[in-house]
Amino acid sequence: MKQRVSISMKGRYEADEDSVVELFTDGMMYHRDGITMLTYEESETTGFQGSTTTLKIERNGRVTLTRRGSANSHLVLQKGVRHVGSYNVYGGSMEIGVYANEVDCSITEEGGSLRLVYTLDMNTSMFSKNELSIDVRPAVE
């Protein structure tokens, strides 16, 4: 069953300059066959306004981030495994490597948290170190 949820996110990105982004938004969450789906609309805060982001969280610890709209991307995060994903922004497309150092998830039907620590690379050269923490709670009606 789909349920409305409140989502708080904090992302830390270390590249040429360090930055921290915090976002509070509403979204939808549902669970089916050991998979949790979490969907929300991006905002100006993240720079992806006009896009919808879906996180597919699998019981085996694999997390797939899919973004559709003004910016499109498909990234797979799995602890200890480097995946190559697509990232399409502002009319350009690139492939980037994603390596997850940590994938910690405690999201249930009552809410919970997801913590991702990962690196992004282009042509196997380090681009950024990233940490994303997401807290999910049932929305207050």
C-alpha atoms as a PDB file:
ATOM      1  CA  MET A   1       0.000   0.000   0.000  1.00  0.00           C
ATOM      2  CA  LYS A   2       1.319   3.443  -0.908  1.00  0.00           C
ATOM      3  CA  GLN A   3       1.640   5.902   1.918  1.00  0.00           C
ATOM      4  CA  ARG A   4       2.478   9.575   2.126  1.00  0.00           C
ATOM      5  CA  VAL A   5       5.752  10.225   3.951  1.00  0.00           C
ATOM      6  CA  SER A   6       7.855  13.136   5.121  1.00  0.00           C
ATOM      7  CA  ILE A   7      11.450  12.944   3.945  1.00  0.00           C
ATOM      8  CA  SER A   8      14.473  14.773   5.300  1.00  0.00           C
ATOM      9  CA  MET A   9      17.776  14.489   3.471  1.00  0.00           C
ATOM     10  CA  LYS A  10      21.253  15.733   4.140  1.00  0.00           C
ATOM     11  CA  GLY A  11      23.900  15.355   1.481  1.00  0.00           C
ATOM     12  CA  ARG A  12      27.592  16.111   1.853  1.00  0.00           C
ATOM     13  CA  TYR A  13      29.669  16.353  -1.316  1.00  0.00           C
ATOM     14  CA  GLU A  14      33.449  16.669  -1.369  1.00  0.00           C
ATOM     15  CA  ALA A  15      34.889  17.700  -4.729  1.00  0.00           C
ATOM     16  CA  ASP A  16      36.772  20.886  -5.652  1.00  0.00           C
ATOM     17  CA  GLU A  17      34.741  22.568  -2.924  1.00  0.00           C
ATOM     18  CA  ASP A  18      32.836  20.880  -0.132  1.00  0.00           C
ATOM     19  CA  SER A  19      29.103  21.470   0.043  1.00  0.00           C
ATOM     20  CA  VAL A  20      26.209  20.389   2.204  1.00  0.00           C
ATOM     21  CA  VAL A  21      22.610  20.311   0.985  1.00  0.00           C
ATOM     22  CA  GLU A  22      19.588  19.751   3.204  1.00  0.00           C
ATOM     23  CA  LEU A  23      16.104  19.070   1.883  1.00  0.00           C
ATOM     24  CA  PHE A  24      12.756  18.522   3.555  1.00  0.00           C
ATOM     25  CA  THR A  25       9.950  17.283   1.322  1.00  0.00           C
ATOM     26  CA  ASP A  26       6.944  15.002   1.085  1.00  0.00           C
ATOM     27  CA  GLY A  27       6.839  11.872  -0.994  1.00  0.00           C
ATOM     28  CA  MET A  28       5.325   8.439  -1.398  1.00  0.00           C
ATOM     29  CA  MET A  29       6.581   5.093  -0.125  1.00  0.00           C
ATOM     30  CA  TYR A  30       5.465   1.533  -0.611  1.00  0.00           C
ATOM     31  CA  HIS A  31       6.804  -1.948   0.081  1.00  0.00           C
ATOM     32  CA  ARG A  32       6.372  -5.049  -2.071  1.00  0.00           C
ATOM     33  CA  ASP A  33       8.213  -8.370  -2.249  1.00  0.00           C
ATOM     34  CA  GLY A  34      11.178  -7.204  -0.151  1.00  0.00           C
ATOM     35  CA  ILE A  35      11.569  -3.941  -2.068  1.00  0.00           C
ATOM     36  CA  THR A  36      10.910  -0.447  -0.753  1.00  0.00           C
ATOM     37  CA  MET A  37      10.125   2.300  -3.257  1.00  0.00           C
ATOM     38  CA  LEU A  38      10.516   5.922  -2.175  1.00  0.00           C
ATOM     39  CA  THR A  39       9.523   8.714  -4.594  1.00  0.00           C
ATOM     40  CA  TYR A  40       9.685  12.497  -4.265  1.00  0.00           C
ATOM     41  CA  GLU A  41       9.743  15.640  -6.391  1.00  0.00           C
ATOM     42  CA  GLU A  42      13.061  17.473  -6.628  1.00  0.00           C
ATOM     43  CA  SER A  43      13.253  21.181  -5.851  1.00  0.00           C
ATOM     44  CA  GLU A  44      15.365  24.211  -6.620  1.00  0.00           C
ATOM     45  CA  THR A  45      17.423  23.389  -3.512  1.00  0.00           C
ATOM     46  CA  THR A  46      18.907  20.301  -5.151  1.00  0.00           C
ATOM     47  CA  GLY A  47      19.272  21.874  -8.588  1.00  0.00           C
ATOM     48  CA  PHE A  48      17.010  19.258 -10.178  1.00  0.00           C
ATOM     49  CA  GLN A  49      13.689  21.123 -10.061  1.00  0.00           C
ATOM     50  CA  GLY A  50      11.218  19.556 -12.478  1.00  0.00           C
ATOM     51  CA  SER A  51      12.459  16.023 -11.855  1.00  0.00           C
ATOM     52  CA  THR A  52      11.001  13.109  -9.924  1.00  0.00           C
ATOM     53  CA  THR A  53      13.414  10.877  -8.017  1.00  0.00           C
ATOM     54  CA  THR A  54      12.707   7.269  -7.109  1.00  0.00           C
ATOM     55  CA  LEU A  55      14.836   5.194  -4.769  1.00  0.00           C
ATOM     56  CA  LYS A  56      14.436   1.437  -5.103  1.00  0.00           C
ATOM     57  CA  ILE A  57      15.795  -0.174  -1.937  1.00  0.00           C
ATOM     58  CA  GLU A  58      16.248  -3.927  -2.130  1.00  0.00           C
ATOM     59  CA  ARG A  59      16.536  -6.303   0.807  1.00  0.00           C
ATOM     60  CA  ASN A  60      20.051  -7.336  -0.347  1.00  0.00           C
ATOM     61  CA  GLY A  61      21.333  -3.775   0.222  1.00  0.00           C
ATOM     62  CA  ARG A  62      21.250  -2.625  -3.386  1.00  0.00           C
ATOM     63  CA  VAL A  63      19.831   0.886  -3.912  1.00  0.00           C
ATOM     64  CA  THR A  64      18.886   2.207  -7.352  1.00  0.00           C
ATOM     65  CA  LEU A  65      18.350   5.942  -7.811  1.00  0.00           C
ATOM     66  CA  THR A  66      16.356   6.911 -10.889  1.00  0.00           C
ATOM     67  CA  ARG A  67      15.677  10.541 -11.735  1.00  0.00           C
ATOM     68  CA  ARG A  68      13.303  11.572 -14.545  1.00  0.00           C
ATOM     69  CA  GLY A  69      12.304  15.004 -15.810  1.00  0.00           C
ATOM     70  CA  SER A  70      14.488  18.069 -16.362  1.00  0.00           C
ATOM     71  CA  ALA A  71      17.482  15.940 -15.286  1.00  0.00           C
ATOM     72  CA  ASN A  72      17.736  12.199 -15.866  1.00  0.00           C
ATOM     73  CA  SER A  73      20.022   9.757 -14.130  1.00  0.00           C
ATOM     74  CA  HIS A  74      20.242   6.111 -13.199  1.00  0.00           C
ATOM     75  CA  LEU A  75      22.703   5.148 -10.473  1.00  0.00           C
ATOM     76  CA  VAL A  76      23.100   1.819  -8.664  1.00  0.00           C
ATOM     77  CA  LEU A  77      24.697   1.736  -5.214  1.00  0.00           C
ATOM     78  CA  GLN A  78      25.773  -1.581  -3.746  1.00  0.00           C
ATOM     79  CA  LYS A  79      28.367  -1.883  -1.004  1.00  0.00           C
ATOM     80  CA  GLY A  80      31.759  -2.917  -2.351  1.00  0.00           C
ATOM     81  CA  VAL A  81      30.693  -2.938  -6.009  1.00  0.00           C
ATOM     82  CA  ARG A  82      31.487  -0.328  -8.684  1.00  0.00           C
ATOM     83  CA  HIS A  83      28.597   0.253 -11.069  1.00  0.00           C
ATOM     84  CA  VAL A  84      28.556   2.503 -14.136  1.00  0.00           C
ATOM     85  CA  GLY A  85      25.528   4.763 -14.375  1.00  0.00           C
ATOM     86  CA  SER A  86      24.167   7.429 -16.668  1.00  0.00           C
ATOM     87  CA  TYR A  87      23.806  11.067 -15.784  1.00  0.00           C
ATOM     88  CA  ASN A  88      21.975  13.420 -18.146  1.00  0.00           C
ATOM     89  CA  VAL A  89      21.864  17.093 -17.235  1.00  0.00           C
ATOM     90  CA  TYR A  90      21.287  20.234 -19.288  1.00  0.00           C
ATOM     91  CA  GLY A  91      21.114  18.350 -22.577  1.00  0.00           C
ATOM     92  CA  GLY A  92      24.400  16.490 -22.060  1.00  0.00           C
ATOM     93  CA  SER A  93      24.952  12.868 -21.136  1.00  0.00           C
ATOM     94  CA  MET A  94      27.833  11.179 -19.356  1.00  0.00           C
ATOM     95  CA  GLU A  95      28.636   7.859 -17.793  1.00  0.00           C
ATOM     96  CA  ILE A  96      29.945   7.884 -14.257  1.00  0.00           C
ATOM     97  CA  GLY A  97      31.283   5.197 -11.961  1.00  0.00           C
ATOM     98  CA  VAL A  98      29.612   4.764  -8.583  1.00  0.00           C
ATOM     99  CA  TYR A  99      31.315   2.900  -5.749  1.00  0.00           C
ATOM    100  CA  ALA A 100      29.433   2.495  -2.460  1.00  0.00           C
ATOM    101  CA  ASN A 101      31.546   2.228   0.681  1.00  0.00           C
ATOM    102  CA  GLU A 102      28.475   2.015   2.935  1.00  0.00           C
ATOM    103  CA  VAL A 103      24.810   1.237   2.368  1.00  0.00           C
ATOM    104  CA  ASP A 104      22.903   1.175   5.672  1.00  0.00           C
ATOM    105  CA  CYS A 105      19.129   0.885   5.570  1.00  0.00           C
ATOM    106  CA  SER A 106      16.608   0.529   8.381  1.00  0.00           C
ATOM    107  CA  ILE A 107      13.457   1.615   6.534  1.00  0.00           C
ATOM    108  CA  THR A 108      10.260  -0.261   7.409  1.00  0.00           C
ATOM    109  CA  GLU A 109       6.586   0.540   6.860  1.00  0.00           C
ATOM    110  CA  GLU A 110       6.809   2.826   9.905  1.00  0.00           C
ATOM    111  CA  GLY A 111       9.690   4.832   8.378  1.00  0.00           C
ATOM    112  CA  GLY A 112      13.376   4.749   9.193  1.00  0.00           C
ATOM    113  CA  SER A 113      16.662   5.831   7.664  1.00  0.00           C
ATOM    114  CA  LEU A 114      19.006   5.203   4.764  1.00  0.00           C
ATOM    115  CA  ARG A 115      22.684   6.199   4.760  1.00  0.00           C
ATOM    116  CA  LEU A 116      24.832   6.030   1.644  1.00  0.00           C
ATOM    117  CA  VAL A 117      28.577   6.750   1.512  1.00  0.00           C
ATOM    118  CA  TYR A 118      29.908   6.572  -2.034  1.00  0.00           C
ATOM    119  CA  THR A 119      32.316   7.976  -4.586  1.00  0.00           C
ATOM    120  CA  LEU A 120      31.686   9.121  -8.133  1.00  0.00           C
ATOM    121  CA  ASP A 121      34.324   8.855 -10.846  1.00  0.00           C
ATOM    122  CA  MET A 122      34.615   9.812 -14.492  1.00  0.00           C
ATOM    123  CA  ASN A 123      36.929   7.710 -16.636  1.00  0.00           C
ATOM    124  CA  THR A 124      38.077   6.054 -13.383  1.00  0.00           C
ATOM    125  CA  SER A 125      39.322   9.424 -12.017  1.00  0.00           C
ATOM    126  CA  MET A 126      37.816  10.412  -8.682  1.00  0.00           C
ATOM    127  CA  PHE A 127      35.199  13.119  -9.103  1.00  0.00           C
ATOM    128  CA  SER A 128      33.635  13.387  -5.646  1.00  0.00           C
ATOM    129  CA  LYS A 129      33.143  11.740  -2.268  1.00  0.00           C
ATOM    130  CA  ASN A 130      29.524  11.760  -1.127  1.00  0.00           C
ATOM    131  CA  GLU A 131      27.445  11.006   1.923  1.00  0.00           C
ATOM    132  CA  LEU A 132      23.651  11.019   1.810  1.00  0.00           C
ATOM    133  CA  SER A 133      21.442  10.509   4.863  1.00  0.00           C
ATOM    134  CA  ILE A 134      17.694  10.120   4.402  1.00  0.00           C
ATOM    135  CA  ASP A 135      15.098   9.926   7.176  1.00  0.00           C
ATOM    136  CA  VAL A 136      11.540   8.864   6.344  1.00  0.00           C
ATOM    137  CA  ARG A 137       8.494   9.280   8.588  1.00  0.00           C
ATOM    138  CA  PRO A 138       4.757   8.844   7.983  1.00  0.00           C
ATOM    139  CA  ALA A 139       3.315  12.190   6.868  1.00  0.00           C
ATOM    140  CA  VAL A 140       1.165  14.061   9.349  1.00  0.00           C
ATOM    141  CA  GLU A 141      -2.301  14.399   7.848  1.00  0.00           C
END
